[in-house]
PDB file of N, CA and C in Angstrom:
ATOM      1  N   UNK A   1      79.603  62.043 128.125  1.00  0.00           N
ATOM      2  CA  UNK A   1      79.977  63.077 128.608  1.00  0.00           C
ATOM      3  C   UNK A   1      81.285  63.645 128.729  1.00  0.00           C
ATOM      4  N   UNK A   2      81.845  62.547 128.998  1.00  0.00           N
ATOM      5  CA  UNK A   2      83.396  63.212 128.978  1.00  0.00           C
ATOM      6  C   UNK A   2      83.912  63.748 127.382  1.00  0.00           C
ATOM      7  N   UNK A   3      82.845  63.624 126.579  1.00  0.00           N
ATOM      8  CA  UNK A   3      83.723  63.929 124.742  1.00  0.00           C
ATOM      9  C   UNK A   3      82.831  64.825 125.356  1.00  0.00           C
ATOM     10  N   UNK A   4      81.993  64.897 125.720  1.00  0.00           N
ATOM     11  CA  UNK A   4      81.062  66.717 125.523  1.00  0.00           C
ATOM     12  C   UNK A   4      81.581  67.449 126.149  1.00  0.00           C
ATOM     13  N   UNK A   5      82.257  67.329 127.321  1.00  0.00           N
ATOM     14  CA  UNK A   5      83.324  68.139 128.044  1.00  0.00           C
ATOM     15  C   UNK A   5      84.406  68.390 127.479  1.00  0.00           C
ATOM     16  N   UNK A   6      85.175  67.731 126.705  1.00  0.00           N
ATOM     17  CA  UNK A   6      86.264  67.813 125.635  1.00  0.00           C
ATOM     18  C   UNK A   6      85.753  69.014 124.717  1.00  0.00           C
ATOM     19  N   UNK A   7      85.047  68.235 124.217  1.00  0.00           N
ATOM     20  CA  UNK A   7      84.538  69.336 123.219  1.00  0.00           C
ATOM     21  C   UNK A   7      84.126  71.059 123.704  1.00  0.00           C
ATOM     22  N   UNK A   8      83.481  70.729 124.626  1.00  0.00           N
ATOM     23  CA  UNK A   8      83.112  72.269 125.158  1.00  0.00           C
ATOM     24  C   UNK A   8      84.354  73.301 125.518  1.00  0.00           C
ATOM     25  N   UNK A   9      85.056  72.563 126.148  1.00  0.00           N
ATOM     26  CA  UNK A   9      86.600  73.050 126.720  1.00  0.00           C
ATOM     27  C   UNK A   9      87.125  73.349 125.305  1.00  0.00           C
ATOM     28  N   UNK A  10      87.265  72.356 124.426  1.00  0.00           N
ATOM     29  CA  UNK A  10      88.284  72.818 123.004  1.00  0.00           C
ATOM     30  C   UNK A  10      87.348  74.335 122.511  1.00  0.00           C
ATOM     31  N   UNK A  11      86.055  73.664 122.491  1.00  0.00           N
ATOM     32  CA  UNK A  11      85.303  75.192 121.899  1.00  0.00           C
ATOM     33  C   UNK A  11      85.733  76.454 122.346  1.00  0.00           C
ATOM     34  N   UNK A  12      85.536  76.446 123.960  1.00  0.00           N
ATOM     35  CA  UNK A  12      85.763  77.795 124.251  1.00  0.00           C
ATOM     36  C   UNK A  12      87.047  77.888 124.321  1.00  0.00           C
ATOM     37  N   UNK A  13      88.156  77.271 124.030  1.00  0.00           N
ATOM     38  CA  UNK A  13      89.483  77.403 123.996  1.00  0.00           C
ATOM     39  C   UNK A  13      89.673  78.547 123.147  1.00  0.00           C
ATOM     40  N   UNK A  14      89.140  77.730 121.745  1.00  0.00           N
ATOM     41  CA  UNK A  14      89.421  78.331 120.752  1.00  0.00           C
ATOM     42  C   UNK A  14      88.435  79.768 120.220  1.00  0.00           C
ATOM     43  N   UNK A  15      87.297  79.618 120.678  1.00  0.00           N
ATOM     44  CA  UNK A  15      86.643  81.171 120.705  1.00  0.00           C
ATOM     45  C   UNK A  15      87.129  82.395 121.636  1.00  0.00           C
ATOM     46  N   UNK A  16      88.532  81.919 122.714  1.00  0.00           N
ATOM     47  CA  UNK A  16      88.670  82.556 123.211  1.00  0.00           C
ATOM     48  C   UNK A  16      90.103  83.259 122.697  1.00  0.00           C
ATOM     49  N   UNK A  17      91.244  82.690 122.210  1.00  0.00           N
ATOM     50  CA  UNK A  17      92.409  83.004 121.205  1.00  0.00           C
ATOM     51  C   UNK A  17      91.651  83.239 119.838  1.00  0.00           C
ATOM     52  N   UNK A  18      91.013  82.823 119.028  1.00  0.00           N
ATOM     53  CA  UNK A  18      90.759  83.553 118.109  1.00  0.00           C
ATOM     54  C   UNK A  18      90.666  85.150 118.035  1.00  0.00           C
ATOM     55  N   UNK A  19      90.102  85.707 118.602  1.00  0.00           N
ATOM     56  CA  UNK A  19      90.446  87.205 118.238  1.00  0.00           C
ATOM     57  C   UNK A  19      91.530  88.223 118.827  1.00  0.00           C
ATOM     58  N   UNK A  20      92.365  87.169 119.514  1.00  0.00           N
ATOM     59  CA  UNK A  20      93.717  87.541 119.357  1.00  0.00           C
ATOM     60  C   UNK A  20      94.550  87.231 118.625  1.00  0.00           C
ATOM     61  N   UNK A  21      94.498  86.001 118.122  1.00  0.00           N
ATOM     62  CA  UNK A  21      95.196  85.658 116.588  1.00  0.00           C
ATOM     63  C   UNK A  21      94.433  86.327 115.461  1.00  0.00           C
ATOM     64  N   UNK A  22      93.238  86.905 115.177  1.00  0.00           N
ATOM     65  CA  UNK A  22      93.243  87.193 114.526  1.00  0.00           C
ATOM     66  C   UNK A  22      93.650  88.714 114.296  1.00  0.00           C
ATOM     67  N   UNK A  23      93.932  89.487 115.597  1.00  0.00           N
ATOM     68  CA  UNK A  23      94.512  90.642 115.490  1.00  0.00           C
ATOM     69  C   UNK A  23      95.692  90.778 115.221  1.00  0.00           C
ATOM     70  N   UNK A  24      96.434  89.718 115.728  1.00  0.00           N
ATOM     71  CA  UNK A  24      97.991  89.270 115.650  1.00  0.00           C
ATOM     72  C   UNK A  24      98.224  89.215 114.212  1.00  0.00           C
ATOM     73  N   UNK A  25      97.512  88.307 112.970  1.00  0.00           N
ATOM     74  CA  UNK A  25      97.540  88.762 111.863  1.00  0.00           C
ATOM     75  C   UNK A  25      97.553  89.970 111.151  1.00  0.00           C
ATOM     76  N   UNK A  26      96.053  90.694 111.398  1.00  0.00           N
ATOM     77  CA  UNK A  26      95.891  91.644 110.875  1.00  0.00           C
ATOM     78  C   UNK A  26      97.152  92.434 111.170  1.00  0.00           C
ATOM     79  N   UNK A  27      97.499  92.769 112.643  1.00  0.00           N
ATOM     80  CA  UNK A  27      98.615  93.676 113.266  1.00  0.00           C
ATOM     81  C   UNK A  27      99.773  93.399 112.328  1.00  0.00           C
ATOM     82  N   UNK A  28     100.511  92.583 112.173  1.00  0.00           N
ATOM     83  CA  UNK A  28     101.371  91.784 111.513  1.00  0.00           C
ATOM     84  C   UNK A  28     101.472  92.163 110.217  1.00  0.00           C
ATOM     85  N   UNK A  29     100.223  92.172 109.210  1.00  0.00           N
ATOM     86  CA  UNK A  29     100.045  92.623 108.362  1.00  0.00           C
ATOM     87  C   UNK A  29     100.481  94.336 107.609  1.00  0.00           C
ATOM     88  N   UNK A  30      99.592  94.816 108.806  1.00  0.00           N
ATOM     89  CA  UNK A  30      99.590  96.383 108.949  1.00  0.00           C
ATOM     90  C   UNK A  30     101.480  96.751 109.202  1.00  0.00           C
ATOM     91  N   UNK A  31     101.597  96.403 110.355  1.00  0.00           N
ATOM     92  CA  UNK A  31     103.612  96.589 110.572  1.00  0.00           C
ATOM     93  C   UNK A  31     104.022  96.003 109.427  1.00  0.00           C
ATOM     94  N   UNK A  32     103.969  95.135 108.373  1.00  0.00           N
ATOM     95  CA  UNK A  32     104.836  95.117 107.590  1.00  0.00           C
ATOM     96  C   UNK A  32     105.076  96.306 106.621  1.00  0.00           C
ATOM     97  N   UNK A  33     103.424  96.422 106.276  1.00  0.00           N
ATOM     98  CA  UNK A  33     102.987  97.577 105.252  1.00  0.00           C
ATOM     99  C   UNK A  33     103.620  99.079 106.299  1.00  0.00           C
ATOM    100  N   UNK A  34     103.776  99.194 106.733  1.00  0.00           N
ATOM    101  CA  UNK A  34     103.628 100.611 107.321  1.00  0.00           C
ATOM    102  C   UNK A  34     104.689 101.330 108.444  1.00  0.00           C
ATOM    103  N   UNK A  35     105.573  99.907 108.916  1.00  0.00           N
ATOM    104  CA  UNK A  35     106.412 100.185 110.244  1.00  0.00           C
ATOM    105  C   UNK A  35     107.456  99.490 109.934  1.00  0.00           C
ATOM    106  N   UNK A  36     107.717  98.274 109.370  1.00  0.00           N
ATOM    107  CA  UNK A  36     108.714  97.688 109.015  1.00  0.00           C
ATOM    108  C   UNK A  36     110.062  98.320 108.297  1.00  0.00           C
ATOM    109  N   UNK A  37     109.808  98.953 107.561  1.00  0.00           N
ATOM    110  CA  UNK A  37     111.128  99.812 106.495  1.00  0.00           C
ATOM    111  C   UNK A  37     111.880 100.843 107.771  1.00  0.00           C
ATOM    112  N   UNK A  38     111.671 101.385 108.858  1.00  0.00           N
ATOM    113  CA  UNK A  38     111.877 101.616 109.689  1.00  0.00           C
ATOM    114  C   UNK A  38     112.080 101.083 110.964  1.00  0.00           C
ATOM    115  N   UNK A  39     111.496  99.907 111.627  1.00  0.00           N
ATOM    116  CA  UNK A  39     111.559  99.378 112.921  1.00  0.00           C
ATOM    117  C   UNK A  39     112.189  98.289 112.682  1.00  0.00           C
ATOM    118  N   UNK A  40     111.837  97.308 111.218  1.00  0.00           N
ATOM    119  CA  UNK A  40     112.533  96.044 110.849  1.00  0.00           C
ATOM    120  C   UNK A  40     111.911  95.067 110.917  1.00  0.00           C
ATOM    121  N   UNK A  41     112.011  93.866 110.476  1.00  0.00           N
ATOM    122  CA  UNK A  41     111.317  92.866 110.868  1.00  0.00           C
ATOM    123  C   UNK A  41     110.737  92.047 112.392  1.00  0.00           C
ATOM    124  N   UNK A  42     111.862  91.999 112.746  1.00  0.00           N
ATOM    125  CA  UNK A  42     112.142  91.883 114.427  1.00  0.00           C
ATOM    126  C   UNK A  42     111.964  92.453 115.786  1.00  0.00           C
ATOM    127  N   UNK A  43     111.884  94.082 115.029  1.00  0.00           N
ATOM    128  CA  UNK A  43     111.506  95.272 116.052  1.00  0.00           C
ATOM    129  C   UNK A  43     112.942  95.817 116.061  1.00  0.00           C
ATOM    130  N   UNK A  44     114.012  95.827 115.608  1.00  0.00           N
ATOM    131  CA  UNK A  44     115.313  95.949 115.589  1.00  0.00           C
ATOM    132  C   UNK A  44     115.442  97.257 114.408  1.00  0.00           C
ATOM    133  N   UNK A  45     115.535  98.438 114.467  1.00  0.00           N
ATOM    134  CA  UNK A  45     115.630  99.257 113.726  1.00  0.00           C
ATOM    135  C   UNK A  45     116.242  98.942 112.523  1.00  0.00           C
ATOM    136  N   UNK A  46     116.029  99.405 111.369  1.00  0.00           N
ATOM    137  CA  UNK A  46     116.503  99.762 110.140  1.00  0.00           C
ATOM    138  C   UNK A  46     117.655 100.721 110.104  1.00  0.00           C
ATOM    139  N   UNK A  47     118.565 100.326 109.273  1.00  0.00           N
ATOM    140  CA  UNK A  47     119.541 102.268 108.828  1.00  0.00           C
ATOM    141  C   UNK A  47     118.351 102.702 108.420  1.00  0.00           C
ATOM    142  N   UNK A  48     117.298 103.130 107.690  1.00  0.00           N
ATOM    143  CA  UNK A  48     116.616 103.961 108.096  1.00  0.00           C
ATOM    144  C   UNK A  48     116.186 104.717 109.344  1.00  0.00           C
ATOM    145  N   UNK A  49     115.759 103.369 110.247  1.00  0.00           N
ATOM    146  CA  UNK A  49     114.921 103.500 111.262  1.00  0.00           C
ATOM    147  C   UNK A  49     116.128 104.206 112.365  1.00  0.00           C
ATOM    148  N   UNK A  50     117.087 103.904 112.324  1.00  0.00           N
ATOM    149  CA  UNK A  50     118.440 104.295 112.968  1.00  0.00           C
ATOM    150  C   UNK A  50     118.852 105.620 112.734  1.00  0.00           C
ATOM    151  N   UNK A  51     118.567 106.291 111.655  1.00  0.00           N
ATOM    152  CA  UNK A  51     119.483 107.465 111.008  1.00  0.00           C
ATOM    153  C   UNK A  51     118.067 108.393 112.009  1.00  0.00           C
ATOM    154  N   UNK A  52     116.472 107.802 111.710  1.00  0.00           N
ATOM    155  CA  UNK A  52     115.470 108.995 113.003  1.00  0.00           C
ATOM    156  C   UNK A  52     115.356 108.327 114.526  1.00  0.00           C
ATOM    157  N   UNK A  53     116.572 107.665 115.115  1.00  0.00           N
ATOM    158  CA  UNK A  53     116.631 107.630 116.426  1.00  0.00           C
ATOM    159  C   UNK A  53     115.850 106.654 116.900  1.00  0.00           C
ATOM    160  N   UNK A  54     115.082 105.825 115.672  1.00  0.00           N
ATOM    161  CA  UNK A  54     113.813 104.924 116.292  1.00  0.00           C
ATOM    162  C   UNK A  54     114.724 103.852 117.674  1.00  0.00           C
ATOM    163  N   UNK A  55     114.015 103.483 118.576  1.00  0.00           N
ATOM    164  CA  UNK A  55     114.778 102.860 119.884  1.00  0.00           C
ATOM    165  C   UNK A  55     114.325 101.207 119.510  1.00  0.00           C
ATOM    166  N   UNK A  56     115.069  99.943 119.502  1.00  0.00           N
ATOM    167  CA  UNK A  56     114.532  98.794 119.403  1.00  0.00           C
ATOM    168  C   UNK A  56     113.198  98.454 120.412  1.00  0.00           C
ATOM    169  N   UNK A  57     112.446  97.490 119.954  1.00  0.00           N
ATOM    170  CA  UNK A  57     111.451  97.317 120.644  1.00  0.00           C
ATOM    171  C   UNK A  57     111.571  96.656 122.225  1.00  0.00           C
ATOM    172  N   UNK A  58     112.390  96.115 122.270  1.00  0.00           N
ATOM    173  CA  UNK A  58     112.995  95.060 123.446  1.00  0.00           C
ATOM    174  C   UNK A  58     113.786  96.086 124.456  1.00  0.00           C
ATOM    175  N   UNK A  59     113.905  97.894 124.155  1.00  0.00           N
ATOM    176  CA  UNK A  59     114.369  98.917 124.782  1.00  0.00           C
ATOM    177  C   UNK A  59     113.347  98.590 126.038  1.00  0.00           C
ATOM    178  N   UNK A  60     114.454  99.075 127.085  1.00  0.00           N
ATOM    179  CA  UNK A  60     113.594  99.565 128.630  1.00  0.00           C
ATOM    180  C   UNK A  60     112.574 100.116 128.328  1.00  0.00           C
ATOM    181  N   UNK A  61     113.098 101.497 127.857  1.00  0.00           N
ATOM    182  CA  UNK A  61     111.757 102.444 127.902  1.00  0.00           C
ATOM    183  C   UNK A  61     110.060 102.025 126.871  1.00  0.00           C
ATOM    184  N   UNK A  62     110.716 100.687 125.711  1.00  0.00           N
ATOM    185  CA  UNK A  62     109.571 100.975 125.173  1.00  0.00           C
ATOM    186  C   UNK A  62     108.736  99.362 126.022  1.00  0.00           C
ATOM    187  N   UNK A  63     109.496  98.629 126.548  1.00  0.00           N
ATOM    188  CA  UNK A  63     109.278  97.627 127.416  1.00  0.00           C
ATOM    189  C   UNK A  63     107.872  98.337 128.301  1.00  0.00           C
ATOM    190  N   UNK A  64     108.290  99.411 129.144  1.00  0.00           N
ATOM    191  CA  UNK A  64     107.686  99.704 130.320  1.00  0.00           C
ATOM    192  C   UNK A  64     106.644 100.623 129.832  1.00  0.00           C
ATOM    193  N   UNK A  65     106.396 101.187 128.262  1.00  0.00           N
ATOM    194  CA  UNK A  65     105.773 102.024 128.100  1.00  0.00           C
ATOM    195  C   UNK A  65     104.429 101.722 128.040  1.00  0.00           C
ATOM    196  N   UNK A  66     102.877 102.354 128.563  1.00  0.00           N
ATOM    197  CA  UNK A  66     101.851 101.751 128.403  1.00  0.00           C
ATOM    198  C   UNK A  66     101.517 101.264 127.136  1.00  0.00           C
ATOM    199  N   UNK A  67     100.383 100.362 127.202  1.00  0.00           N
ATOM    200  CA  UNK A  67      99.595 100.217 125.828  1.00  0.00           C
ATOM    201  C   UNK A  67      99.032 101.104 125.265  1.00  0.00           C
ATOM    202  N   UNK A  68      98.124 102.572 126.035  1.00  0.00           N
ATOM    203  CA  UNK A  68      98.064 103.908 125.811  1.00  0.00           C
ATOM    204  C   UNK A  68      98.965 104.602 125.460  1.00  0.00           C
ATOM    205  N   UNK A  69     100.392 104.523 125.911  1.00  0.00           N
ATOM    206  CA  UNK A  69     101.183 105.493 125.310  1.00  0.00           C
ATOM    207  C   UNK A  69     102.152 105.658 123.871  1.00  0.00           C
ATOM    208  N   UNK A  70     101.583 103.916 123.263  1.00  0.00           N
ATOM    209  CA  UNK A  70     101.842 103.499 122.724  1.00  0.00           C
ATOM    210  C   UNK A  70     101.304 103.682 121.060  1.00  0.00           C
ATOM    211  N   UNK A  71      99.733 103.498 121.744  1.00  0.00           N
ATOM    212  CA  UNK A  71      98.787 103.923 120.777  1.00  0.00           C
ATOM    213  C   UNK A  71      98.831 105.704 120.348  1.00  0.00           C
ATOM    214  N   UNK A  72      99.104 105.911 121.646  1.00  0.00           N
ATOM    215  CA  UNK A  72      99.114 107.368 121.110  1.00  0.00           C
ATOM    216  C   UNK A  72     100.353 108.047 120.220  1.00  0.00           C
ATOM    217  N   UNK A  73     101.575 107.339 120.464  1.00  0.00           N
ATOM    218  CA  UNK A  73     102.802 107.412 119.653  1.00  0.00           C
ATOM    219  C   UNK A  73     102.378 106.991 118.088  1.00  0.00           C
ATOM    220  N   UNK A  74     101.332 106.103 118.104  1.00  0.00           N
ATOM    221  CA  UNK A  74     101.602 105.529 116.157  1.00  0.00           C
ATOM    222  C   UNK A  74      99.965 106.579 116.158  1.00  0.00           C
ATOM    223  N   UNK A  75      99.164 106.750 116.794  1.00  0.00           N
ATOM    224  CA  UNK A  75      98.087 107.860 116.115  1.00  0.00           C
ATOM    225  C   UNK A  75      98.470 109.237 115.930  1.00  0.00           C
ATOM    226  N   UNK A  76      98.967 109.966 116.802  1.00  0.00           N
ATOM    227  CA  UNK A  76      99.934 111.266 116.670  1.00  0.00           C
ATOM    228  C   UNK A  76     101.162 111.371 116.410  1.00  0.00           C
ATOM    229  N   UNK A  77     101.924 110.287 115.705  1.00  0.00           N
ATOM    230  CA  UNK A  77     103.295 110.440 115.378  1.00  0.00           C
ATOM    231  C   UNK A  77     103.956 110.860 116.783  1.00  0.00           C
ATOM    232  N   UNK A  78     105.718 110.312 116.516  1.00  0.00           N
ATOM    233  CA  UNK A  78     106.506 110.950 117.705  1.00  0.00           C
ATOM    234  C   UNK A  78     108.017 111.071 117.415  1.00  0.00           C
ATOM    235  N   UNK A  79     108.639 112.158 117.592  1.00  0.00           N
ATOM    236  CA  UNK A  79     109.961 112.648 116.951  1.00  0.00           C
ATOM    237  C   UNK A  79     109.666 112.117 115.095  1.00  0.00           C
ATOM    238  N   UNK A  80     110.362 111.273 114.497  1.00  0.00           N
ATOM    239  CA  UNK A  80     110.520 111.463 112.906  1.00  0.00           C
ATOM    240  C   UNK A  80     109.309 110.651 112.849  1.00  0.00           C
ATOM    241  N   UNK A  81     108.885 110.185 113.693  1.00  0.00           N
ATOM    242  CA  UNK A  81     107.608 108.859 113.134  1.00  0.00           C
ATOM    243  C   UNK A  81     106.189 109.898 112.812  1.00  0.00           C
ATOM    244  N   UNK A  82     105.817 109.339 111.626  1.00  0.00           N
ATOM    245  CA  UNK A  82     104.718 110.061 111.153  1.00  0.00           C
ATOM    246  C   UNK A  82     103.370 109.718 111.763  1.00  0.00           C
ATOM    247  N   UNK A  83     102.256 110.600 112.073  1.00  0.00           N
ATOM    248  CA  UNK A  83     101.019 110.049 112.672  1.00  0.00           C
ATOM    249  C   UNK A  83     100.431 109.541 111.949  1.00  0.00           C
ATOM    250  N   UNK A  84      99.555 108.411 112.344  1.00  0.00           N
ATOM    251  CA  UNK A  84      98.595 107.346 111.124  1.00  0.00           C
ATOM    252  C   UNK A  84      97.177 107.635 112.036  1.00  0.00           C
ATOM    253  N   UNK A  85      97.209 108.659 112.438  1.00  0.00           N
ATOM    254  CA  UNK A  85      95.511 109.199 112.498  1.00  0.00           C
ATOM    255  C   UNK A  85      95.086 109.584 111.624  1.00  0.00           C
ATOM    256  N   UNK A  86      93.551 109.296 110.937  1.00  0.00           N
ATOM    257  CA  UNK A  86      93.695 109.359 109.618  1.00  0.00           C
ATOM    258  C   UNK A  86      94.094 108.500 108.264  1.00  0.00           C
ATOM    259  N   UNK A  87      95.396 107.963 108.721  1.00  0.00           N
ATOM    260  CA  UNK A  87      95.553 106.697 107.697  1.00  0.00           C
ATOM    261  C   UNK A  87      95.562 105.553 108.401  1.00  0.00           C
ATOM    262  N   UNK A  88      95.354 105.134 109.578  1.00  0.00           N
ATOM    263  CA  UNK A  88      94.991 103.650 110.022  1.00  0.00           C
ATOM    264  C   UNK A  88      93.736 104.256 110.851  1.00  0.00           C
ATOM    265  N   UNK A  89      92.659 102.907 111.338  1.00  0.00           N
ATOM    266  CA  UNK A  89      91.806 103.115 111.859  1.00  0.00           C
ATOM    267  C   UNK A  89      92.073 102.493 113.683  1.00  0.00           C
ATOM    268  N   UNK A  90      90.862 103.488 114.223  1.00  0.00           N
ATOM    269  CA  UNK A  90      91.573 102.751 115.896  1.00  0.00           C
ATOM    270  C   UNK A  90      91.758 101.399 115.817  1.00  0.00           C
ATOM    271  N   UNK A  91      91.125 100.563 115.311  1.00  0.00           N
ATOM    272  CA  UNK A  91      91.273  98.947 115.146  1.00  0.00           C
ATOM    273  C   UNK A  91      92.384  98.627 114.630  1.00  0.00           C
ATOM    274  N   UNK A  92      93.205  99.041 113.275  1.00  0.00           N
ATOM    275  CA  UNK A  92      94.257  99.016 112.895  1.00  0.00           C
ATOM    276  C   UNK A  92      95.549  99.452 113.693  1.00  0.00           C
ATOM    277  N   UNK A  93      95.044 100.363 114.815  1.00  0.00           N
ATOM    278  CA  UNK A  93      96.525 100.797 115.249  1.00  0.00           C
ATOM    279  C   UNK A  93      96.633 100.176 116.524  1.00  0.00           C
ATOM    280  N   UNK A  94      95.433  99.909 117.257  1.00  0.00           N
ATOM    281  CA  UNK A  94      95.095  98.529 118.327  1.00  0.00           C
ATOM    282  C   UNK A  94      95.937  97.658 117.551  1.00  0.00           C
ATOM    283  N   UNK A  95      95.574  97.057 116.813  1.00  0.00           N
ATOM    284  CA  UNK A  95      95.993  95.688 116.169  1.00  0.00           C
ATOM    285  C   UNK A  95      97.836  95.964 116.478  1.00  0.00           C
ATOM    286  N   UNK A  96      98.498  96.809 116.048  1.00  0.00           N
ATOM    287  CA  UNK A  96      99.875  96.763 115.204  1.00  0.00           C
ATOM    288  C   UNK A  96     100.727  97.033 116.730  1.00  0.00           C
ATOM    289  N   UNK A  97     100.117  97.683 117.380  1.00  0.00           N
ATOM    290  CA  UNK A  97     100.789  97.614 119.074  1.00  0.00           C
ATOM    291  C   UNK A  97     100.368  96.501 119.948  1.00  0.00           C
ATOM    292  N   UNK A  98      99.803  95.743 119.527  1.00  0.00           N
ATOM    293  CA  UNK A  98      99.552  94.356 120.146  1.00  0.00           C
ATOM    294  C   UNK A  98     100.474  93.435 119.190  1.00  0.00           C
ATOM    295  N   UNK A  99     100.652  93.868 117.789  1.00  0.00           N
ATOM    296  CA  UNK A  99     101.732  92.949 117.530  1.00  0.00           C
ATOM    297  C   UNK A  99     103.245  92.976 117.854  1.00  0.00           C
ATOM    298  N   UNK A 100     103.407  94.546 118.258  1.00  0.00           N
ATOM    299  CA  UNK A 100     104.438  95.284 118.254  1.00  0.00           C
ATOM    300  C   UNK A 100     104.980  94.583 119.800  1.00  0.00           C
ATOM    301  N   UNK A 101     104.108  94.356 120.948  1.00  0.00           N
ATOM    302  CA  UNK A 101     104.357  93.689 121.849  1.00  0.00           C
ATOM    303  C   UNK A 101     105.007  92.625 121.564  1.00  0.00           C
ATOM    304  N   UNK A 102     104.084  91.563 120.249  1.00  0.00           N
ATOM    305  CA  UNK A 102     105.033  90.180 120.385  1.00  0.00           C
ATOM    306  C   UNK A 102     106.752  90.300 120.086  1.00  0.00           C
ATOM    307  N   UNK A 103     107.049  91.538 119.538  1.00  0.00           N
ATOM    308  CA  UNK A 103     108.559  91.869 119.107  1.00  0.00           C
ATOM    309  C   UNK A 103     108.822  92.042 120.446  1.00  0.00           C
ATOM    310  N   UNK A 104     108.847  91.941 121.253  1.00  0.00           N
ATOM    311  CA  UNK A 104     109.284  92.882 122.563  1.00  0.00           C
ATOM    312  C   UNK A 104     110.251  91.493 123.464  1.00  0.00           C
TER     313      UNK A 104
END
């Protein structure tokens, strides 16, 4: 019985973490391909990002931003950042925003 409960708990834990881990991996890949050149590998703007007034991800403004507003910024663009609607799927945008949260 104890072995069964241990296996059940491990399975439940693995299945609850798996989608998030997969999304983070996919979000990381999308971030590296589409965002890193301006926002930096660690969420600190590169020279290109600084020239376009990109904020660091750990700035109070971005930390307080809702997930919906970040999704809207990626989807529709903001300032000099291009819109990714039509270039990324809704799922990819969600995943990249989830990844950005890990850089805060």
